[in-house]
Each structure stands twice: as C-alpha cells, then as structure tokens.
Amino acid sequence: MLSERIKAIPLGYSCVLFQNKKYGVTRSNFNKGKSIKVYAEELGGNDFISFNFYITDKTEQLKPCEMPHAKVINFINNFHLLE
C-alpha cells in the first residue's frame, strides 16, 4: 500500500491537498525507479515533507529526511492529488 501511494504521486511537479493545505510536490525517480525522492512544501506556509523510498528485491525502505517517520507516513496516507 505504501509503495502504491508513493507511486501515485506524478513524476515531476504536482500539487496536493494535505490537512486542508496545498503543497507543491516534486517526485524524482532514480536507478530505474528503484529509488524515489519526494519533497513537498506547503504553499504559502513553512511546513515541508521530505523522504526517500528504496525498493530492493527483498524489501522496501522508507527513509524520512530529518523528520519523524510518523509525519511522513501521515502525509503519504492522507494527501489528495489536485488536478
């Protein structure tokens, strides 16, 4: 489920709604999609979410960047893509 939610974020730049606030999100893939970098910044505010997601043959690993793991999980599970 976690990988599906992360992969639902379009490559490049997009906007999402999270906790009734708009965030600009950038998703980049590396290593043929085995490494994913996501950076989300609250538009008009000062909050941000940053993490890497790694996919190996045996496991998947979520690595938040200098923030609580729970904050990143909350974002991944609750953002809504805006179009």
Protein backbone atom coordinates (compact mmCIF):
# COMPACT_ATOMS: atom_id res chain seq x y z
CA MET A 1 0.00 0.00 0.00
CA LEU A 2 2.78 2.44 0.89
CA SER A 3 4.58 1.98 -2.41
CA GLU A 4 1.29 2.37 -4.32
CA ARG A 5 0.58 5.69 -2.59
CA ILE A 6 4.10 6.96 -3.28
CA LYS A 7 3.93 5.90 -6.92
CA ALA A 8 0.57 7.71 -7.21
CA ILE A 9 2.49 10.98 -6.92
CA PRO A 10 3.22 12.00 -10.51
CA LEU A 11 6.83 12.34 -11.64
CA GLY A 12 7.97 15.94 -11.68
CA TYR A 13 5.96 18.69 -10.02
CA SER A 14 2.33 18.49 -8.88
CA CYS A 15 0.04 19.91 -6.22
CA VAL A 16 -1.68 18.00 -3.45
CA LEU A 17 -4.02 18.80 -0.60
CA PHE A 18 -2.90 17.65 2.85
CA GLN A 19 -4.59 18.67 6.11
CA ASN A 20 -6.62 21.30 4.21
CA LYS A 21 -3.45 22.98 2.89
CA LYS A 22 -1.93 22.99 -0.60
CA TYR A 23 1.53 21.53 -1.07
CA GLY A 24 3.79 21.65 -4.09
CA VAL A 25 5.31 18.19 -4.51
CA THR A 26 8.30 17.09 -6.55
CA ARG A 27 8.88 13.39 -7.20
CA SER A 28 12.07 12.12 -8.82
CA ASN A 29 12.95 8.54 -9.71
CA PHE A 30 16.48 7.17 -9.77
CA ASN A 31 18.02 3.75 -10.51
CA LYS A 32 15.24 2.74 -12.91
CA GLY A 33 12.54 3.51 -10.34
CA LYS A 34 14.21 1.61 -7.50
CA SER A 35 14.91 4.87 -5.62
CA ILE A 36 12.27 7.57 -5.25
CA LYS A 37 12.82 11.05 -3.79
CA VAL A 38 9.81 13.13 -2.72
CA TYR A 39 9.87 16.72 -1.47
CA ALA A 40 6.63 18.51 -0.59
CA GLU A 41 6.43 22.13 0.51
CA GLU A 42 3.37 23.86 1.94
CA LEU A 43 2.38 26.66 -0.45
CA GLY A 44 2.11 29.91 1.50
CA GLY A 45 3.38 28.26 4.69
CA ASN A 46 6.51 26.83 6.22
CA ASP A 47 5.81 23.09 6.51
CA PHE A 48 7.56 20.51 4.35
CA ILE A 49 7.82 16.75 3.91
CA SER A 50 10.95 15.08 2.56
CA PHE A 51 11.78 11.42 2.15
CA ASN A 52 13.44 8.75 0.06
CA PHE A 53 11.89 5.38 -0.76
CA TYR A 54 14.06 2.44 -1.77
CA ILE A 55 12.88 -0.75 -3.47
CA THR A 56 15.06 -3.86 -3.45
CA ASP A 57 14.39 -7.45 -4.45
CA LYS A 58 13.72 -8.31 -0.81
CA THR A 59 12.26 -5.23 0.82
CA GLU A 60 11.08 -1.63 0.59
CA GLN A 61 12.51 1.06 2.86
CA LEU A 62 11.14 4.48 3.72
CA LYS A 63 13.79 6.97 4.83
CA PRO A 64 12.45 10.31 6.11
CA CYS A 65 14.84 13.25 5.79
CA GLU A 66 15.35 14.79 9.24
CA MET A 67 11.74 14.43 10.39
CA PRO A 68 9.65 11.90 12.28
CA HIS A 69 8.72 8.72 10.43
CA ALA A 70 5.08 9.18 11.57
CA LYS A 71 4.87 12.61 9.87
CA VAL A 72 5.92 11.12 6.53
CA ILE A 73 3.54 8.15 6.87
CA ASN A 74 0.68 10.53 7.69
CA PHE A 75 1.42 12.57 4.57
CA ILE A 76 1.69 9.51 2.31
CA ASN A 77 -1.57 8.04 3.57
CA ASN A 78 -3.59 11.26 3.53
CA PHE A 79 -2.56 13.52 0.64
CA HIS A 80 -5.08 14.12 -2.17
CA LEU A 81 -3.78 14.87 -5.63
CA LEU A 82 -5.11 18.11 -7.14
CA GLU A 83 -5.55 18.49 -10.85
